[in-house]
Amino acid sequence: MNRIDTCFKQLAAENKKAFVAYVVAGDPHPSKTHGIVLALEKAGADIIELGLPFSDPLADGAVNQLGSQRALEAGATVKGLFEAVKKIRKESQIPLVLFTYYNPIFHLGVAEFARQASESGIDGVLILDLPPEEAKAEWPAESALKRISLIAPTTPEDRIRQIAKSSSGFIYYVSREGVTGMQDKLASGIPAQISAIRAHTKLPICVGFGISNPEQAAATAALADGVVVGSAIVNRIAEWGKSPELPAQLRAFVQPLAEATHAV
């Protein structure tokens, strides 16, 4: 089984929800990605989303955009990301999802990108700007990578059905309109939207966009199968990026978030 499937199966057996941590690969420097991922796993993360640095991350708010900028300025590349994943795989089997835009994939070639991602140890891809109609034609059918999809609060039911049908691994429900970023309170309407999605798929549903503290993580975990925290972590990397204690600092910050998610 794919590591993502195995992870959710194990969590279900333990009656736990998934804590998904997002970071920009290569931020603050490509040499740090390996240590950051291992620190997040030790903090309790069940799945890691690795953002592929991109010059025009239109779905991302300022925090994650700056993370991409720092990574690119530090020399991050697609090849470097895959090398970092290979290094991670020597020490960890945590599920890894590549969070990316379509442009870098198109530039390398879809089939070649899928092959290199899979061979490096990536388990799934979330392509933010590739619609399901085009994904079906573009993505190689033989690829073992899970195809995670986004569903938004404004997605109509027919579209939810279509997206769910073409997805695998899990569904990422974007809890609010707009771009990524930390928020003071959870978006309204999450329970109704999760119910609407569950009517069309048995895949786990993870909720992200705006979750930044343990209280919000626990409240979201009570509704969904998993919680995604990104900007709050990337913001700490921006703050602590030059510290030699960065992995330990991130572990201390993320652990309460993971514990709150698992305690529900």
Protein backbone atom coordinates (compact mmCIF):
# COMPACT_ATOMS: atom_id res chain seq x y z
CA MET A 1 0.00 0.00 0.00
CA ASN A 2 0.99 3.60 -0.53
CA ARG A 3 2.36 5.22 2.64
CA ILE A 4 -0.56 7.66 2.69
CA ASP A 5 -3.12 4.84 2.68
CA THR A 6 -1.18 2.98 5.35
CA CYS A 7 -1.00 6.09 7.53
CA PHE A 8 -4.75 6.74 7.48
CA LYS A 9 -5.50 3.05 8.03
CA GLN A 10 -3.25 2.98 11.10
CA LEU A 11 -4.69 6.22 12.48
CA ALA A 12 -8.24 4.91 12.03
CA ALA A 13 -7.30 1.76 13.95
CA GLU A 14 -6.03 3.97 16.77
CA ASN A 15 -9.09 6.25 16.53
CA LYS A 16 -6.88 9.24 15.77
CA LYS A 17 -6.97 12.08 13.29
CA ALA A 18 -4.04 12.97 11.02
CA PHE A 19 -1.81 15.94 11.64
CA VAL A 20 -0.39 17.21 8.34
CA ALA A 21 2.47 19.72 8.43
CA TYR A 22 3.37 21.91 5.46
CA VAL A 23 6.77 23.47 4.81
CA VAL A 24 8.42 24.96 1.75
CA ALA A 25 11.20 22.62 0.61
CA GLY A 26 14.51 24.49 0.63
CA ASP A 27 13.40 27.09 3.16
CA PRO A 28 15.50 28.55 4.75
CA HIS A 29 18.13 26.59 2.77
CA PRO A 30 18.03 23.33 0.78
CA SER A 31 20.46 21.74 3.23
CA LYS A 32 17.93 22.23 6.06
CA THR A 33 14.97 20.36 4.52
CA HIS A 34 16.07 16.91 5.69
CA GLY A 35 16.46 18.00 9.32
CA ILE A 36 13.21 19.96 9.32
CA VAL A 37 11.18 16.99 8.07
CA LEU A 38 12.68 14.66 10.67
CA ALA A 39 11.98 17.22 13.40
CA LEU A 40 8.34 17.53 12.29
CA GLU A 41 7.98 13.75 12.38
CA LYS A 42 9.40 13.63 15.90
CA ALA A 43 6.94 16.37 16.87
CA GLY A 44 4.07 14.08 15.88
CA ALA A 45 3.34 14.94 12.26
CA ASP A 46 1.73 12.04 10.41
CA ILE A 47 2.13 13.41 6.88
CA ILE A 48 4.42 16.13 5.52
CA GLU A 49 3.49 18.39 2.63
CA LEU A 50 6.58 19.71 0.86
CA GLY A 51 5.91 22.88 -1.08
CA LEU A 52 7.91 23.00 -4.30
CA PRO A 53 9.35 26.55 -4.45
CA PHE A 54 7.82 28.49 -7.31
CA SER A 55 8.16 32.09 -8.44
CA ASP A 56 4.39 32.70 -8.81
CA PRO A 57 2.58 30.83 -5.99
CA LEU A 58 -0.79 32.49 -6.58
CA ALA A 59 -2.77 30.38 -4.08
CA ASP A 60 -0.37 31.21 -1.27
CA GLY A 61 -0.52 34.12 1.12
CA ALA A 62 2.41 36.36 1.97
CA VAL A 63 3.97 33.99 4.51
CA ASN A 64 4.27 31.03 2.12
CA GLN A 65 5.18 33.27 -0.82
CA LEU A 66 8.12 34.59 1.18
CA GLY A 67 9.04 30.99 2.04
CA SER A 68 9.24 30.18 -1.66
CA GLN A 69 11.27 33.31 -2.29
CA ARG A 70 13.77 32.43 0.45
CA ALA A 71 14.12 28.90 -0.89
CA LEU A 72 14.67 30.02 -4.48
CA GLU A 73 17.22 32.63 -3.41
CA ALA A 74 19.02 29.91 -1.44
CA GLY A 75 19.29 27.76 -4.56
CA ALA A 76 16.32 25.39 -4.28
CA THR A 77 15.55 23.34 -7.40
CA VAL A 78 13.31 20.43 -8.38
CA LYS A 79 16.36 18.17 -8.57
CA GLY A 80 17.50 19.35 -5.16
CA LEU A 81 14.10 18.60 -3.67
CA PHE A 82 14.17 15.04 -4.99
CA GLU A 83 17.68 14.60 -3.59
CA ALA A 84 16.47 15.83 -0.20
CA VAL A 85 13.61 13.31 -0.29
CA LYS A 86 16.05 10.49 -1.04
CA LYS A 87 18.07 11.56 2.00
CA ILE A 88 14.93 11.63 4.15
CA ARG A 89 13.98 8.14 3.00
CA LYS A 90 17.21 6.76 4.45
CA GLU A 91 15.86 7.60 7.92
CA SER A 92 12.10 7.94 7.66
CA GLN A 93 9.04 6.41 6.01
CA ILE A 94 6.68 9.28 6.84
CA PRO A 95 4.26 9.95 3.94
CA LEU A 96 5.42 12.86 1.80
CA VAL A 97 3.12 14.90 -0.43
CA LEU A 98 4.49 17.28 -3.03
CA PHE A 99 2.50 20.53 -2.98
CA THR A 100 3.11 22.24 -6.31
CA TYR A 101 1.91 24.30 -9.22
CA TYR A 102 1.79 22.85 -12.70
CA ASN A 103 4.50 24.98 -14.30
CA PRO A 104 7.53 23.12 -12.81
CA ILE A 105 5.93 19.80 -13.77
CA PHE A 106 5.30 20.93 -17.34
CA HIS A 107 8.84 22.28 -17.60
CA LEU A 108 10.39 18.92 -16.68
CA GLY A 109 7.76 16.85 -18.50
CA VAL A 110 4.78 15.28 -16.77
CA ALA A 111 5.84 11.64 -17.15
CA GLU A 112 9.43 12.39 -16.19
CA PHE A 113 8.37 14.46 -13.19
CA ALA A 114 6.08 11.68 -11.98
CA ARG A 115 8.83 9.11 -12.42
CA GLN A 116 11.47 11.11 -10.55
CA ALA A 117 9.05 12.04 -7.77
CA SER A 118 8.04 8.41 -7.24
CA GLU A 119 11.60 7.09 -7.40
CA SER A 120 12.82 9.67 -4.89
CA GLY A 121 10.20 8.59 -2.33
CA ILE A 122 7.31 11.02 -2.81
CA ASP A 123 3.92 9.40 -2.10
CA GLY A 124 1.46 11.89 -3.54
CA VAL A 125 1.10 15.16 -5.41
CA LEU A 126 -1.23 18.08 -4.92
CA ILE A 127 -1.21 20.28 -8.01
CA LEU A 128 -2.96 23.50 -7.13
CA ASP A 129 -3.71 24.82 -10.60
CA LEU A 130 -4.38 21.68 -12.67
CA PRO A 131 -8.14 21.11 -13.07
CA PRO A 132 -9.40 17.50 -12.86
CA GLU A 133 -10.40 17.49 -16.54
CA GLU A 134 -6.84 18.30 -17.58
CA ALA A 135 -5.27 16.14 -14.90
CA LYS A 136 -7.00 13.09 -16.32
CA ALA A 137 -5.42 13.74 -19.71
CA GLU A 138 -2.04 14.96 -18.48
CA TRP A 139 -1.15 12.71 -15.55
CA PRO A 140 0.28 9.26 -16.41
CA ALA A 141 -2.29 6.59 -15.56
CA GLU A 142 0.43 4.16 -14.49
CA SER A 143 1.84 6.50 -11.84
CA ALA A 144 1.65 5.13 -8.30
CA LEU A 145 1.58 8.63 -6.83
CA LYS A 146 -1.63 9.58 -5.08
CA ARG A 147 -3.47 12.50 -6.68
CA ILE A 148 -4.67 14.71 -3.84
CA SER A 149 -7.16 17.41 -4.81
CA LEU A 150 -8.42 20.66 -3.35
CA ILE A 151 -12.09 21.40 -2.73
CA ALA A 152 -13.11 24.93 -1.77
CA PRO A 153 -16.11 26.40 0.09
CA THR A 154 -17.41 27.68 -3.25
CA THR A 155 -17.13 24.36 -5.09
CA PRO A 156 -20.62 23.31 -6.34
CA GLU A 157 -21.87 19.77 -5.72
CA ASP A 158 -21.41 18.56 -9.29
CA ARG A 159 -17.84 19.76 -9.17
CA ILE A 160 -17.27 18.09 -5.80
CA ARG A 161 -18.45 14.81 -7.30
CA GLN A 162 -16.09 15.19 -10.25
CA ILE A 163 -13.08 16.13 -8.14
CA ALA A 164 -13.72 13.34 -5.64
CA LYS A 165 -13.96 10.77 -8.41
CA SER A 166 -10.55 11.73 -9.82
CA SER A 167 -8.78 11.94 -6.45
CA SER A 168 -6.84 9.46 -4.34
CA GLY A 169 -4.98 9.54 -1.02
CA PHE A 170 -7.13 12.18 0.63
CA ILE A 171 -9.17 15.28 -0.10
CA TYR A 172 -7.78 18.63 1.00
CA TYR A 173 -10.69 20.88 1.96
CA VAL A 174 -9.75 24.55 1.82
CA SER A 175 -11.69 25.96 4.76
CA ARG A 176 -11.92 29.54 3.52
CA GLU A 177 -11.89 31.55 0.31
CA GLY A 178 -8.69 33.31 -0.70
CA VAL A 179 -5.08 32.37 -0.09
CA THR A 180 -3.18 30.53 2.62
CA GLY A 181 -2.48 32.31 5.90
CA MET A 182 -2.96 32.28 9.65
CA GLN A 183 -6.36 33.33 11.00
CA ASP A 184 -7.73 34.28 14.41
CA LYS A 185 -10.73 31.97 14.13
CA LEU A 186 -11.93 29.02 12.09
CA ALA A 187 -14.08 29.57 9.03
CA SER A 188 -17.78 28.91 9.39
CA GLY A 189 -19.50 26.23 7.35
CA ILE A 190 -16.84 23.54 7.73
CA PRO A 191 -19.24 20.84 9.04
CA ALA A 192 -21.72 21.33 6.20
CA GLN A 193 -19.02 21.30 3.54
CA ILE A 194 -17.39 18.17 4.95
CA SER A 195 -20.79 16.44 4.92
CA ALA A 196 -21.26 17.46 1.28
CA ILE A 197 -17.86 16.01 0.36
CA ARG A 198 -18.45 12.78 2.32
CA ALA A 199 -21.56 12.17 0.22
CA HIS A 200 -19.30 11.61 -2.79
CA THR A 201 -16.18 9.88 -1.45
CA LYS A 202 -14.84 7.53 1.19
CA LEU A 203 -11.42 9.19 1.05
CA PRO A 204 -10.16 10.89 4.23
CA ILE A 205 -10.83 14.63 4.34
CA CYS A 206 -8.16 16.96 5.70
CA VAL A 207 -8.89 20.61 6.41
CA GLY A 208 -6.40 23.45 6.06
CA PHE A 209 -5.99 27.20 5.43
CA GLY A 210 -5.95 29.37 8.54
CA ILE A 211 -5.30 26.84 11.33
CA SER A 212 -2.53 28.18 13.55
CA ASN A 213 -2.92 27.04 17.17
CA PRO A 214 -3.77 23.89 19.18
CA GLU A 215 -7.32 25.03 19.93
CA GLN A 216 -8.10 25.49 16.25
CA ALA A 217 -6.41 22.17 15.42
CA ALA A 218 -8.54 20.32 17.98
CA ALA A 219 -11.76 21.97 16.80
CA THR A 220 -10.97 21.04 13.18
CA ALA A 221 -9.96 17.48 14.07
CA ALA A 222 -13.36 16.98 15.68
CA LEU A 223 -14.94 17.56 12.26
CA ALA A 224 -12.49 16.08 9.76
CA ASP A 225 -10.07 13.18 9.29
CA GLY A 226 -7.03 15.39 9.37
CA VAL A 227 -5.72 18.88 10.07
CA VAL A 228 -3.25 20.78 7.88
CA VAL A 229 -1.05 23.50 9.37
CA GLY A 230 1.28 25.39 7.06
CA SER A 231 1.66 29.16 7.33
CA ALA A 232 2.09 29.06 11.11
CA ILE A 233 5.07 26.71 10.67
CA VAL A 234 6.54 28.59 7.71
CA ASN A 235 6.25 31.81 9.72
CA ARG A 236 8.38 30.25 12.48
CA ILE A 237 10.96 29.17 9.89
CA ALA A 238 11.12 32.80 8.74
CA GLU A 239 11.67 33.88 12.35
CA TRP A 240 14.11 31.18 13.40
CA GLY A 241 15.73 30.34 10.06
CA LYS A 242 19.23 31.44 11.06
CA SER A 243 19.16 29.67 14.40
CA PRO A 244 21.30 26.52 14.75
CA GLU A 245 18.49 25.19 16.94
CA LEU A 246 15.86 25.49 14.18
CA PRO A 247 14.81 21.78 14.11
CA ALA A 248 14.42 21.67 17.89
CA GLN A 249 12.50 24.95 17.92
CA LEU A 250 10.13 23.71 15.22
CA ARG A 251 9.61 20.46 17.08
CA ALA A 252 8.65 22.37 20.23
CA PHE A 253 6.22 24.56 18.29
CA VAL A 254 4.56 21.76 16.30
CA GLN A 255 4.24 19.17 19.06
CA PRO A 256 1.28 20.87 20.83
CA LEU A 257 -0.52 21.16 17.47
CA ALA A 258 -0.03 17.47 16.76
CA GLU A 259 -1.00 16.46 20.29
CA ALA A 260 -4.19 18.54 20.12
CA THR A 261 -5.11 16.87 16.82
CA HIS A 262 -4.43 13.35 18.11
CA ALA A 263 -6.26 13.92 21.39
CA VAL A 264 -9.65 14.42 19.73
